[in-house]
Amino acid sequence: MFRIVCAATALLLAPSALAHPKLLAATPAADAAVATPSRIDLRFSEKLMPKLSGVTLMMTGMAGMKHAPMPVASTTTAEGSMLTVVPAKPLTAGSYRVDWHVVSADTHRIAGSYAFSVR
């Protein structure tokens, strides 16, 4: 009986224990061509740990040129699941890559990236 109770408890708790923050939405969206955005919003499935989460923004798409990460300021919303990134300077026409990394209560670092362009 004890084993059955332990197994049932493990099955009930497993989904929450295995959960990691997932990127649910981004503005600008992946592969979008947009007018110069004043900010980039990334909405995640879980509350983030702000000090352990962040974004690197880089201009891409110019053959043979290496671009350094652009200076940005990032903050999380009051409910904690949205990461807002504000570039220090307006983005010029071109393509950009957003590399993000986040940590939630499970303390696992999750990372991803996507691209968009400014027309």
C-alpha atoms as a PDB file:
ATOM      1  CA  MET A   1       0.000   0.000   0.000  1.00  0.00           C
ATOM      2  CA  PHE A   2       2.840   2.387   0.867  1.00  0.00           C
ATOM      3  CA  ARG A   3       4.359   1.896  -2.614  1.00  0.00           C
ATOM      4  CA  ILE A   4       1.040   2.651  -4.285  1.00  0.00           C
ATOM      5  CA  VAL A   5       0.667   5.874  -2.306  1.00  0.00           C
ATOM      6  CA  CYS A   6       4.255   6.907  -3.135  1.00  0.00           C
ATOM      7  CA  ALA A   7       3.781   6.121  -6.834  1.00  0.00           C
ATOM      8  CA  ALA A   8       0.512   8.046  -6.994  1.00  0.00           C
ATOM      9  CA  THR A   9       2.091  11.035  -5.241  1.00  0.00           C
ATOM     10  CA  ALA A  10       5.038  10.986  -7.632  1.00  0.00           C
ATOM     11  CA  LEU A  11       2.718  10.947 -10.647  1.00  0.00           C
ATOM     12  CA  LEU A  12       0.732  13.885  -9.324  1.00  0.00           C
ATOM     13  CA  LEU A  13       3.807  15.964  -8.516  1.00  0.00           C
ATOM     14  CA  ALA A  14       5.913  15.068 -11.563  1.00  0.00           C
ATOM     15  CA  PRO A  15       4.422  17.570 -14.025  1.00  0.00           C
ATOM     16  CA  SER A  16       5.117  20.541 -11.740  1.00  0.00           C
ATOM     17  CA  ALA A  17       8.582  19.290 -10.846  1.00  0.00           C
ATOM     18  CA  LEU A  18       9.500  18.877 -14.499  1.00  0.00           C
ATOM     19  CA  ALA A  19       8.077  22.229 -15.579  1.00  0.00           C
ATOM     20  CA  HIS A  20      10.446  24.838 -16.969  1.00  0.00           C
ATOM     21  CA  PRO A  21       9.626  28.326 -18.153  1.00  0.00           C
ATOM     22  CA  LYS A  22       8.594  28.381 -21.803  1.00  0.00           C
ATOM     23  CA  LEU A  23       8.492  31.394 -24.089  1.00  0.00           C
ATOM     24  CA  LEU A  24       4.784  31.860 -24.814  1.00  0.00           C
ATOM     25  CA  ALA A  25       4.880  35.070 -26.858  1.00  0.00           C
ATOM     26  CA  ALA A  26       7.283  37.715 -28.078  1.00  0.00           C
ATOM     27  CA  THR A  27       6.772  41.236 -29.394  1.00  0.00           C
ATOM     28  CA  PRO A  28       8.144  41.731 -31.992  1.00  0.00           C
ATOM     29  CA  ALA A  29       7.301  38.158 -32.928  1.00  0.00           C
ATOM     30  CA  ALA A  30       9.786  35.670 -34.346  1.00  0.00           C
ATOM     31  CA  ASP A  31      10.506  36.307 -38.040  1.00  0.00           C
ATOM     32  CA  ALA A  32       8.392  39.495 -38.049  1.00  0.00           C
ATOM     33  CA  ALA A  33       9.324  42.606 -40.032  1.00  0.00           C
ATOM     34  CA  VAL A  34       8.357  45.645 -37.959  1.00  0.00           C
ATOM     35  CA  ALA A  35       8.793  49.393 -37.663  1.00  0.00           C
ATOM     36  CA  THR A  36      11.403  50.382 -35.067  1.00  0.00           C
ATOM     37  CA  PRO A  37      10.178  48.913 -31.759  1.00  0.00           C
ATOM     38  CA  SER A  38      10.682  50.930 -28.593  1.00  0.00           C
ATOM     39  CA  ARG A  39      10.893  47.711 -26.584  1.00  0.00           C
ATOM     40  CA  ILE A  40      10.902  43.925 -26.808  1.00  0.00           C
ATOM     41  CA  ASP A  41       8.470  41.944 -24.630  1.00  0.00           C
ATOM     42  CA  LEU A  42       8.962  38.255 -23.861  1.00  0.00           C
ATOM     43  CA  ARG A  43       6.121  36.476 -22.004  1.00  0.00           C
ATOM     44  CA  PHE A  44       6.965  33.217 -20.232  1.00  0.00           C
ATOM     45  CA  SER A  45       4.868  30.446 -18.716  1.00  0.00           C
ATOM     46  CA  GLU A  46       6.234  30.979 -15.207  1.00  0.00           C
ATOM     47  CA  LYS A  47       7.344  33.718 -12.855  1.00  0.00           C
ATOM     48  CA  LEU A  48      11.016  34.545 -13.475  1.00  0.00           C
ATOM     49  CA  MET A  49      13.903  35.277 -11.158  1.00  0.00           C
ATOM     50  CA  PRO A  50      14.873  38.742 -12.473  1.00  0.00           C
ATOM     51  CA  LYS A  51      18.502  38.721 -11.312  1.00  0.00           C
ATOM     52  CA  LEU A  52      19.140  35.430 -13.125  1.00  0.00           C
ATOM     53  CA  SER A  53      17.215  36.238 -16.325  1.00  0.00           C
ATOM     54  CA  GLY A  54      18.212  38.443 -19.222  1.00  0.00           C
ATOM     55  CA  VAL A  55      18.514  39.142 -22.920  1.00  0.00           C
ATOM     56  CA  THR A  56      21.277  39.816 -25.402  1.00  0.00           C
ATOM     57  CA  LEU A  57      20.269  41.758 -28.521  1.00  0.00           C
ATOM     58  CA  MET A  58      22.491  41.704 -31.605  1.00  0.00           C
ATOM     59  CA  MET A  59      22.198  43.066 -35.111  1.00  0.00           C
ATOM     60  CA  THR A  60      22.789  40.284 -37.659  1.00  0.00           C
ATOM     61  CA  GLY A  61      22.592  39.711 -41.366  1.00  0.00           C
ATOM     62  CA  MET A  62      25.553  41.712 -42.660  1.00  0.00           C
ATOM     63  CA  ALA A  63      27.940  39.271 -44.302  1.00  0.00           C
ATOM     64  CA  GLY A  64      31.412  39.314 -42.821  1.00  0.00           C
ATOM     65  CA  MET A  65      30.544  41.719 -40.038  1.00  0.00           C
ATOM     66  CA  LYS A  66      30.578  40.792 -36.368  1.00  0.00           C
ATOM     67  CA  HIS A  67      28.312  42.898 -34.225  1.00  0.00           C
ATOM     68  CA  ALA A  68      28.727  43.241 -30.499  1.00  0.00           C
ATOM     69  CA  PRO A  69      25.686  42.852 -28.256  1.00  0.00           C
ATOM     70  CA  MET A  70      23.707  46.069 -28.017  1.00  0.00           C
ATOM     71  CA  PRO A  71      23.268  47.815 -24.667  1.00  0.00           C
ATOM     72  CA  VAL A  72      19.794  47.129 -23.267  1.00  0.00           C
ATOM     73  CA  ALA A  73      17.919  47.522 -20.009  1.00  0.00           C
ATOM     74  CA  SER A  74      15.667  44.665 -18.945  1.00  0.00           C
ATOM     75  CA  THR A  75      12.967  44.451 -16.298  1.00  0.00           C
ATOM     76  CA  THR A  76      10.262  41.998 -15.305  1.00  0.00           C
ATOM     77  CA  THR A  77       6.640  42.928 -14.814  1.00  0.00           C
ATOM     78  CA  ALA A  78       4.992  42.972 -11.386  1.00  0.00           C
ATOM     79  CA  GLU A  79       3.537  39.477 -11.870  1.00  0.00           C
ATOM     80  CA  GLY A  80       6.998  38.372 -12.984  1.00  0.00           C
ATOM     81  CA  SER A  81       6.374  36.339 -16.126  1.00  0.00           C
ATOM     82  CA  MET A  82       7.185  39.036 -18.697  1.00  0.00           C
ATOM     83  CA  LEU A  83      10.680  40.244 -19.460  1.00  0.00           C
ATOM     84  CA  THR A  84      10.739  43.703 -21.065  1.00  0.00           C
ATOM     85  CA  VAL A  85      13.862  44.828 -22.895  1.00  0.00           C
ATOM     86  CA  VAL A  86      14.515  48.437 -23.891  1.00  0.00           C
ATOM     87  CA  PRO A  87      17.412  49.125 -26.299  1.00  0.00           C
ATOM     88  CA  ALA A  88      19.647  52.050 -25.299  1.00  0.00           C
ATOM     89  CA  LYS A  89      19.300  53.468 -28.834  1.00  0.00           C
ATOM     90  CA  PRO A  90      16.549  53.135 -31.434  1.00  0.00           C
ATOM     91  CA  LEU A  91      17.013  50.079 -33.648  1.00  0.00           C
ATOM     92  CA  THR A  92      17.942  50.877 -37.240  1.00  0.00           C
ATOM     93  CA  ALA A  93      16.759  48.958 -40.312  1.00  0.00           C
ATOM     94  CA  GLY A  94      18.213  45.464 -40.412  1.00  0.00           C
ATOM     95  CA  SER A  95      17.882  42.047 -38.853  1.00  0.00           C
ATOM     96  CA  TYR A  96      18.258  41.295 -35.162  1.00  0.00           C
ATOM     97  CA  ARG A  97      18.674  38.242 -32.954  1.00  0.00           C
ATOM     98  CA  VAL A  98      17.301  38.049 -29.426  1.00  0.00           C
ATOM     99  CA  ASP A  99      19.134  35.549 -27.199  1.00  0.00           C
ATOM    100  CA  TRP A 100      17.311  35.058 -23.914  1.00  0.00           C
ATOM    101  CA  HIS A 101      17.991  33.112 -20.741  1.00  0.00           C
ATOM    102  CA  VAL A 102      15.616  32.763 -17.828  1.00  0.00           C
ATOM    103  CA  VAL A 103      15.456  31.069 -14.455  1.00  0.00           C
ATOM    104  CA  SER A 104      12.250  30.366 -12.537  1.00  0.00           C
ATOM    105  CA  ALA A 105      11.548  28.794  -9.157  1.00  0.00           C
ATOM    106  CA  ASP A 106      12.844  25.407 -10.330  1.00  0.00           C
ATOM    107  CA  THR A 107      16.311  27.083 -10.639  1.00  0.00           C
ATOM    108  CA  HIS A 108      17.057  25.545 -14.051  1.00  0.00           C
ATOM    109  CA  ARG A 109      18.488  27.979 -16.590  1.00  0.00           C
ATOM    110  CA  ILE A 110      16.558  27.810 -19.863  1.00  0.00           C
ATOM    111  CA  ALA A 111      17.767  29.636 -22.970  1.00  0.00           C
ATOM    112  CA  GLY A 112      16.551  30.292 -26.477  1.00  0.00           C
ATOM    113  CA  SER A 113      16.703  32.759 -29.322  1.00  0.00           C
ATOM    114  CA  TYR A 114      14.705  34.142 -32.201  1.00  0.00           C
ATOM    115  CA  ALA A 115      15.117  36.714 -34.962  1.00  0.00           C
ATOM    116  CA  PHE A 116      13.109  39.631 -36.308  1.00  0.00           C
ATOM    117  CA  SER A 117      13.823  42.529 -38.650  1.00  0.00           C
ATOM    118  CA  VAL A 118      13.271  46.268 -38.627  1.00  0.00           C
ATOM    119  CA  ARG A 119      12.242  47.807 -41.906  1.00  0.00           C
END
